[in-house]
Amino acid sequence: MNRRTFLALLLIVIASGCSTMRTLPSKGIIGTWKGYDENSSYTLNFRADNTLTGTIENNDTMEFTARYVIDNTAKPATLDIIGVEMQDRKFDLAGIIQLKKGKLHIDSNSGETGFDIERPTEFGEKTLILERIK
């Protein structure tokens, strides 16, 4: 095997390993988390199989199930929540995520499934801070 072929194969192996790594959940977030904003309470259950269940409680109780993908190689780490169905609407979220001092910080924007969604680049006023309950 010549050097050029070896380097090409090495790049393929590295690239395929990186794409696999990006779809693995961060072990630190597996579990159930609860947080509040001025209007609602949020309960999110991140599972090791990359599924997420959630409950949002305000005047009504809304539940959803979706898939999630975390990219820990990005700074800050990114979180995509895919296929949320709630109140006759289907949408995705593109966000950033950080586990800091035992609290989960999530900032995201939502948009219609299949369309580009602008991802926040830093945590701001609408950052949801959750604490582990399980």
N, C-alpha and C. Protein backbone atom coordinates (compact mmCIF):
# COMPACT_ATOMS: atom_id res chain seq x y z
N MET A 1 0.86 -1.17 0.00
CA MET A 1 0.00 0.00 0.00
C MET A 1 0.91 1.23 0.00
N ASN A 2 0.64 2.16 -0.93
CA ASN A 2 1.48 3.34 -0.96
C ASN A 2 0.99 4.37 0.06
N ARG A 3 1.80 5.36 0.26
CA ARG A 3 1.53 6.36 1.29
C ARG A 3 0.23 7.12 1.03
N ARG A 4 -0.04 7.46 -0.21
CA ARG A 4 -1.25 8.21 -0.57
C ARG A 4 -2.51 7.39 -0.25
N THR A 5 -2.50 6.11 -0.58
CA THR A 5 -3.64 5.23 -0.29
C THR A 5 -3.83 5.10 1.21
N PHE A 6 -2.72 4.94 1.94
CA PHE A 6 -2.79 4.83 3.39
C PHE A 6 -3.42 6.09 4.00
N LEU A 7 -2.98 7.28 3.58
CA LEU A 7 -3.51 8.53 4.11
C LEU A 7 -4.99 8.68 3.79
N ALA A 8 -5.40 8.28 2.58
CA ALA A 8 -6.81 8.35 2.20
C ALA A 8 -7.66 7.45 3.10
N LEU A 9 -7.18 6.23 3.34
CA LEU A 9 -7.91 5.31 4.21
C LEU A 9 -7.96 5.83 5.65
N LEU A 10 -6.86 6.40 6.12
CA LEU A 10 -6.82 6.95 7.46
C LEU A 10 -7.84 8.08 7.61
N LEU A 11 -7.93 8.96 6.62
CA LEU A 11 -8.90 10.05 6.67
C LEU A 11 -10.33 9.53 6.68
N ILE A 12 -10.61 8.49 5.92
CA ILE A 12 -11.95 7.90 5.90
C ILE A 12 -12.30 7.33 7.27
N VAL A 13 -11.35 6.62 7.88
CA VAL A 13 -11.59 6.04 9.20
C VAL A 13 -11.82 7.14 10.23
N ILE A 14 -11.02 8.18 10.20
CA ILE A 14 -11.18 9.29 11.15
C ILE A 14 -12.52 9.97 10.94
N ALA A 15 -12.87 10.24 9.70
CA ALA A 15 -14.14 10.93 9.41
C ALA A 15 -15.33 10.09 9.82
N SER A 16 -15.31 8.81 9.56
CA SER A 16 -16.45 7.98 9.95
C SER A 16 -16.53 7.85 11.47
N GLY A 17 -15.41 7.81 12.14
CA GLY A 17 -15.42 7.77 13.59
C GLY A 17 -15.96 9.05 14.19
N CYS A 18 -15.64 10.18 13.60
CA CYS A 18 -16.15 11.46 14.11
C CYS A 18 -17.65 11.55 13.94
N SER A 19 -18.17 11.12 12.79
CA SER A 19 -19.61 11.23 12.60
C SER A 19 -20.35 10.30 13.54
N THR A 20 -19.78 9.17 13.86
CA THR A 20 -20.41 8.28 14.83
C THR A 20 -20.36 8.90 16.21
N MET A 21 -19.24 9.49 16.55
CA MET A 21 -19.09 10.09 17.86
C MET A 21 -20.10 11.21 18.07
N ARG A 22 -20.40 11.96 17.05
CA ARG A 22 -21.32 13.08 17.18
C ARG A 22 -22.74 12.63 17.50
N THR A 23 -23.10 11.41 17.19
CA THR A 23 -24.46 10.97 17.44
C THR A 23 -24.62 10.30 18.80
N LEU A 24 -23.53 10.11 19.52
CA LEU A 24 -23.62 9.46 20.82
C LEU A 24 -24.04 10.46 21.88
N PRO A 25 -24.91 10.06 22.80
CA PRO A 25 -25.31 10.99 23.84
C PRO A 25 -24.18 11.20 24.84
N SER A 26 -24.20 12.34 25.46
CA SER A 26 -23.27 12.61 26.55
C SER A 26 -23.79 11.86 27.77
N LYS A 27 -23.00 10.94 28.30
CA LYS A 27 -23.45 10.13 29.43
C LYS A 27 -23.89 10.98 30.61
N GLY A 28 -23.34 12.17 30.73
CA GLY A 28 -23.67 13.03 31.87
C GLY A 28 -25.09 13.56 31.86
N ILE A 29 -25.76 13.56 30.73
CA ILE A 29 -27.11 14.11 30.70
C ILE A 29 -28.20 13.05 30.74
N ILE A 30 -27.83 11.78 30.66
CA ILE A 30 -28.84 10.71 30.70
C ILE A 30 -29.57 10.79 32.03
N GLY A 31 -30.88 10.87 31.98
CA GLY A 31 -31.69 10.97 33.19
C GLY A 31 -32.79 11.98 33.02
N THR A 32 -33.43 12.31 34.12
CA THR A 32 -34.57 13.22 34.12
C THR A 32 -34.17 14.55 34.75
N TRP A 33 -34.55 15.63 34.08
CA TRP A 33 -34.18 16.98 34.49
C TRP A 33 -35.43 17.84 34.57
N LYS A 34 -35.43 18.80 35.48
CA LYS A 34 -36.58 19.70 35.63
C LYS A 34 -36.09 21.14 35.73
N GLY A 35 -36.82 22.04 35.05
CA GLY A 35 -36.49 23.45 35.09
C GLY A 35 -37.73 24.30 34.91
N TYR A 36 -37.56 25.60 35.14
CA TYR A 36 -38.68 26.54 35.11
C TYR A 36 -38.28 27.79 34.36
N ASP A 37 -39.28 28.43 33.72
CA ASP A 37 -39.13 29.80 33.29
C ASP A 37 -40.29 30.57 33.90
N GLU A 38 -40.51 31.81 33.50
CA GLU A 38 -41.55 32.61 34.16
C GLU A 38 -42.96 32.07 33.94
N ASN A 39 -43.17 31.24 32.90
CA ASN A 39 -44.52 30.77 32.58
C ASN A 39 -44.74 29.27 32.72
N SER A 40 -43.70 28.48 32.69
CA SER A 40 -43.87 27.03 32.57
C SER A 40 -42.84 26.26 33.38
N SER A 41 -43.17 24.99 33.59
CA SER A 41 -42.17 24.05 34.12
C SER A 41 -41.90 23.02 33.03
N TYR A 42 -40.68 22.55 32.98
CA TYR A 42 -40.22 21.62 31.95
C TYR A 42 -39.60 20.41 32.63
N THR A 43 -40.01 19.23 32.17
CA THR A 43 -39.37 18.00 32.61
C THR A 43 -38.88 17.28 31.36
N LEU A 44 -37.59 17.01 31.29
CA LEU A 44 -36.99 16.34 30.14
C LEU A 44 -36.30 15.08 30.60
N ASN A 45 -36.56 13.98 29.89
CA ASN A 45 -35.93 12.70 30.20
C ASN A 45 -35.08 12.27 29.00
N PHE A 46 -33.77 12.43 29.13
CA PHE A 46 -32.83 12.02 28.09
C PHE A 46 -32.48 10.55 28.30
N ARG A 47 -32.67 9.74 27.26
CA ARG A 47 -32.37 8.31 27.34
C ARG A 47 -31.10 8.00 26.56
N ALA A 48 -30.47 6.89 26.90
CA ALA A 48 -29.22 6.48 26.26
C ALA A 48 -29.42 6.10 24.79
N ASP A 49 -30.65 5.81 24.36
CA ASP A 49 -30.89 5.43 22.97
C ASP A 49 -31.17 6.65 22.08
N ASN A 50 -30.81 7.83 22.55
CA ASN A 50 -30.99 9.09 21.82
C ASN A 50 -32.44 9.48 21.63
N THR A 51 -33.32 9.03 22.53
CA THR A 51 -34.69 9.53 22.53
C THR A 51 -34.88 10.40 23.76
N LEU A 52 -35.86 11.25 23.67
CA LEU A 52 -36.14 12.23 24.70
C LEU A 52 -37.64 12.29 24.89
N THR A 53 -38.10 12.27 26.12
CA THR A 53 -39.50 12.54 26.40
C THR A 53 -39.54 13.81 27.22
N GLY A 54 -40.59 14.57 27.05
CA GLY A 54 -40.69 15.82 27.76
C GLY A 54 -42.11 16.16 28.13
N THR A 55 -42.23 16.95 29.17
CA THR A 55 -43.51 17.48 29.61
C THR A 55 -43.33 18.97 29.87
N ILE A 56 -44.25 19.75 29.31
CA ILE A 56 -44.26 21.19 29.55
C ILE A 56 -45.59 21.50 30.23
N GLU A 57 -45.51 22.12 31.39
CA GLU A 57 -46.72 22.43 32.15
C GLU A 57 -46.85 23.93 32.32
N ASN A 58 -47.98 24.46 31.87
CA ASN A 58 -48.37 25.84 32.16
C ASN A 58 -49.88 25.77 32.40
N ASN A 59 -50.69 26.43 31.62
CA ASN A 59 -52.14 26.27 31.78
C ASN A 59 -52.58 24.87 31.37
N ASP A 60 -51.88 24.28 30.45
CA ASP A 60 -52.13 22.92 29.97
C ASP A 60 -50.88 22.09 30.25
N THR A 61 -51.03 20.78 30.12
CA THR A 61 -49.88 19.88 30.18
C THR A 61 -49.67 19.32 28.79
N MET A 62 -48.48 19.51 28.25
CA MET A 62 -48.15 19.02 26.91
C MET A 62 -47.00 18.03 27.04
N GLU A 63 -47.15 16.89 26.40
CA GLU A 63 -46.10 15.87 26.41
C GLU A 63 -45.61 15.63 25.00
N PHE A 64 -44.34 15.24 24.89
CA PHE A 64 -43.79 14.93 23.57
C PHE A 64 -42.69 13.89 23.69
N THR A 65 -42.42 13.26 22.56
CA THR A 65 -41.30 12.34 22.40
C THR A 65 -40.55 12.78 21.16
N ALA A 66 -39.24 12.72 21.19
CA ALA A 66 -38.43 13.13 20.04
C ALA A 66 -37.10 12.39 20.10
N ARG A 67 -36.29 12.60 19.06
CA ARG A 67 -34.91 12.11 19.05
C ARG A 67 -33.99 13.29 19.31
N TYR A 68 -32.81 13.00 19.85
CA TYR A 68 -31.85 14.08 20.06
C TYR A 68 -30.46 13.63 19.64
N VAL A 69 -29.66 14.62 19.25
CA VAL A 69 -28.27 14.40 18.87
C VAL A 69 -27.44 15.49 19.52
N ILE A 70 -26.36 15.09 20.16
CA ILE A 70 -25.44 16.04 20.79
C ILE A 70 -24.09 15.94 20.10
N ASP A 71 -23.51 17.08 19.79
CA ASP A 71 -22.16 17.12 19.23
C ASP A 71 -21.26 17.76 20.28
N ASN A 72 -20.54 16.92 21.01
CA ASN A 72 -19.64 17.41 22.06
C ASN A 72 -18.35 17.99 21.51
N THR A 73 -18.11 17.84 20.20
CA THR A 73 -16.89 18.40 19.63
C THR A 73 -17.06 19.88 19.31
N ALA A 74 -18.29 20.37 19.24
CA ALA A 74 -18.54 21.79 18.98
C ALA A 74 -18.37 22.56 20.28
N LYS A 75 -18.04 23.82 20.17
CA LYS A 75 -17.89 24.69 21.34
C LYS A 75 -18.79 25.90 21.15
N PRO A 76 -19.85 26.08 21.94
CA PRO A 76 -20.36 25.13 22.91
C PRO A 76 -20.98 23.90 22.22
N ALA A 77 -21.16 22.83 22.99
CA ALA A 77 -21.75 21.61 22.45
C ALA A 77 -23.13 21.92 21.87
N THR A 78 -23.47 21.24 20.78
CA THR A 78 -24.77 21.50 20.15
C THR A 78 -25.75 20.38 20.50
N LEU A 79 -27.01 20.74 20.48
CA LEU A 79 -28.11 19.83 20.75
C LEU A 79 -29.15 20.02 19.66
N ASP A 80 -29.48 18.95 18.97
CA ASP A 80 -30.58 18.96 18.02
C ASP A 80 -31.67 18.05 18.56
N ILE A 81 -32.87 18.57 18.65
CA ILE A 81 -34.03 17.79 19.05
C ILE A 81 -34.92 17.70 17.82
N ILE A 82 -35.16 16.47 17.39
CA ILE A 82 -35.75 16.23 16.07
C ILE A 82 -37.09 15.52 16.20
N GLY A 83 -38.09 16.07 15.52
CA GLY A 83 -39.39 15.39 15.44
C GLY A 83 -40.30 15.61 16.63
N VAL A 84 -40.28 16.81 17.19
CA VAL A 84 -41.19 17.12 18.29
C VAL A 84 -42.59 17.30 17.71
N GLU A 85 -43.56 16.60 18.27
CA GLU A 85 -44.96 16.76 17.86
C GLU A 85 -45.75 17.21 19.08
N MET A 86 -46.32 18.42 18.95
CA MET A 86 -47.04 18.97 20.09
C MET A 86 -48.11 19.93 19.58
N GLN A 87 -49.31 19.81 20.09
CA GLN A 87 -50.42 20.69 19.73
C GLN A 87 -50.60 20.79 18.22
N ASP A 88 -50.73 19.67 17.55
CA ASP A 88 -50.94 19.62 16.10
C ASP A 88 -49.84 20.31 15.30
N ARG A 89 -48.65 20.38 15.85
CA ARG A 89 -47.52 21.01 15.18
C ARG A 89 -46.32 20.09 15.29
N LYS A 90 -45.54 19.99 14.21
CA LYS A 90 -44.31 19.20 14.23
C LYS A 90 -43.14 20.15 13.97
N PHE A 91 -42.13 20.07 14.84
CA PHE A 91 -41.00 20.99 14.68
C PHE A 91 -39.73 20.37 15.24
N ASP A 92 -38.61 21.01 14.97
CA ASP A 92 -37.30 20.62 15.46
C ASP A 92 -36.73 21.79 16.26
N LEU A 93 -35.72 21.49 17.06
CA LEU A 93 -35.00 22.53 17.79
C LEU A 93 -33.52 22.40 17.50
N ALA A 94 -32.86 23.53 17.34
CA ALA A 94 -31.40 23.58 17.18
C ALA A 94 -30.88 24.42 18.33
N GLY A 95 -30.02 23.82 19.14
CA GLY A 95 -29.59 24.55 20.32
C GLY A 95 -28.15 24.28 20.71
N ILE A 96 -27.82 24.83 21.85
CA ILE A 96 -26.54 24.59 22.48
C ILE A 96 -26.83 24.06 23.88
N ILE A 97 -25.88 23.29 24.41
CA ILE A 97 -26.10 22.63 25.69
C ILE A 97 -24.80 22.63 26.49
N GLN A 98 -24.94 22.75 27.80
CA GLN A 98 -23.77 22.74 28.67
C GLN A 98 -24.17 22.16 30.03
N LEU A 99 -23.35 21.27 30.54
CA LEU A 99 -23.53 20.74 31.88
C LEU A 99 -22.53 21.46 32.76
N LYS A 100 -23.04 22.26 33.69
CA LYS A 100 -22.17 23.13 34.48
C LYS A 100 -22.61 23.08 35.95
N LYS A 101 -21.70 22.65 36.82
CA LYS A 101 -21.96 22.56 38.25
C LYS A 101 -23.23 21.77 38.53
N GLY A 102 -23.40 20.67 37.81
CA GLY A 102 -24.53 19.79 38.03
C GLY A 102 -25.85 20.26 37.45
N LYS A 103 -25.83 21.37 36.73
CA LYS A 103 -27.05 21.89 36.11
C LYS A 103 -26.90 21.86 34.61
N LEU A 104 -28.00 21.57 33.94
CA LEU A 104 -28.02 21.48 32.49
C LEU A 104 -28.55 22.79 31.92
N HIS A 105 -27.75 23.44 31.08
CA HIS A 105 -28.13 24.70 30.45
C HIS A 105 -28.44 24.42 28.98
N ILE A 106 -29.62 24.83 28.53
CA ILE A 106 -30.02 24.63 27.14
C ILE A 106 -30.56 25.94 26.60
N ASP A 107 -30.07 26.35 25.45
CA ASP A 107 -30.60 27.51 24.74
C ASP A 107 -30.88 27.04 23.32
N SER A 108 -32.07 27.30 22.81
CA SER A 108 -32.41 26.76 21.48
C SER A 108 -33.41 27.64 20.76
N ASN A 109 -33.50 27.41 19.47
CA ASN A 109 -34.52 28.00 18.62
C ASN A 109 -35.27 26.87 17.95
N SER A 110 -36.56 27.07 17.72
CA SER A 110 -37.35 26.03 17.07
C SER A 110 -37.74 26.48 15.68
N GLY A 111 -38.07 25.50 14.86
CA GLY A 111 -38.51 25.79 13.50
C GLY A 111 -39.19 24.59 12.90
N GLU A 112 -39.86 24.83 11.81
CA GLU A 112 -40.59 23.77 11.13
C GLU A 112 -39.63 22.67 10.68
N THR A 113 -40.04 21.43 10.86
CA THR A 113 -39.22 20.28 10.48
C THR A 113 -38.83 20.37 9.01
N GLY A 114 -37.56 20.13 8.74
CA GLY A 114 -37.07 20.13 7.37
C GLY A 114 -36.50 21.47 6.92
N PHE A 115 -36.57 22.49 7.76
CA PHE A 115 -36.04 23.79 7.39
C PHE A 115 -34.83 24.12 8.27
N ASP A 116 -33.95 24.98 7.76
CA ASP A 116 -32.80 25.40 8.55
C ASP A 116 -33.26 26.24 9.73
N ILE A 117 -32.67 25.99 10.87
CA ILE A 117 -33.00 26.73 12.08
C ILE A 117 -31.72 27.40 12.57
N GLU A 118 -31.82 28.67 12.88
CA GLU A 118 -30.63 29.39 13.37
C GLU A 118 -30.33 28.94 14.79
N ARG A 119 -29.13 28.41 14.98
CA ARG A 119 -28.70 27.91 16.28
C ARG A 119 -28.09 29.05 17.09
N PRO A 120 -28.46 29.19 18.37
CA PRO A 120 -27.79 30.19 19.20
C PRO A 120 -26.29 29.89 19.27
N THR A 121 -25.51 30.91 19.46
CA THR A 121 -24.06 30.73 19.57
C THR A 121 -23.56 30.93 21.00
N GLU A 122 -24.43 31.47 21.85
CA GLU A 122 -24.07 31.66 23.24
C GLU A 122 -25.33 31.59 24.10
N PHE A 123 -25.12 31.35 25.39
CA PHE A 123 -26.24 31.27 26.32
C PHE A 123 -26.68 32.68 26.65
N GLY A 124 -28.01 32.87 26.72
CA GLY A 124 -28.54 34.20 26.94
C GLY A 124 -29.71 34.20 27.90
N GLU A 125 -30.56 35.22 27.78
CA GLU A 125 -31.69 35.41 28.68
C GLU A 125 -32.69 34.25 28.64
N LYS A 126 -32.84 33.62 27.48
CA LYS A 126 -33.84 32.56 27.39
C LYS A 126 -33.27 31.16 27.66
N THR A 127 -32.05 31.11 28.19
CA THR A 127 -31.45 29.82 28.54
C THR A 127 -32.29 29.14 29.62
N LEU A 128 -32.62 27.90 29.36
CA LEU A 128 -33.36 27.09 30.32
C LEU A 128 -32.34 26.34 31.18
N ILE A 129 -32.44 26.47 32.49
CA ILE A 129 -31.53 25.80 33.41
C ILE A 129 -32.31 24.72 34.14
N LEU A 130 -31.84 23.47 34.00
CA LEU A 130 -32.52 22.33 34.57
C LEU A 130 -31.66 21.65 35.63
N GLU A 131 -32.32 21.08 36.63
CA GLU A 131 -31.63 20.30 37.65
C GLU A 131 -32.04 18.84 37.55
N ARG A 132 -31.09 17.96 37.81
CA ARG A 132 -31.37 16.52 37.73
C ARG A 132 -32.31 16.12 38.87
N ILE A 133 -33.38 15.37 38.50
CA ILE A 133 -34.27 14.83 39.53
C ILE A 133 -34.20 13.32 39.59
N LYS A 134 -33.62 12.67 38.56
CA LYS A 134 -33.40 11.22 38.57
C LYS A 134 -32.12 10.92 37.85
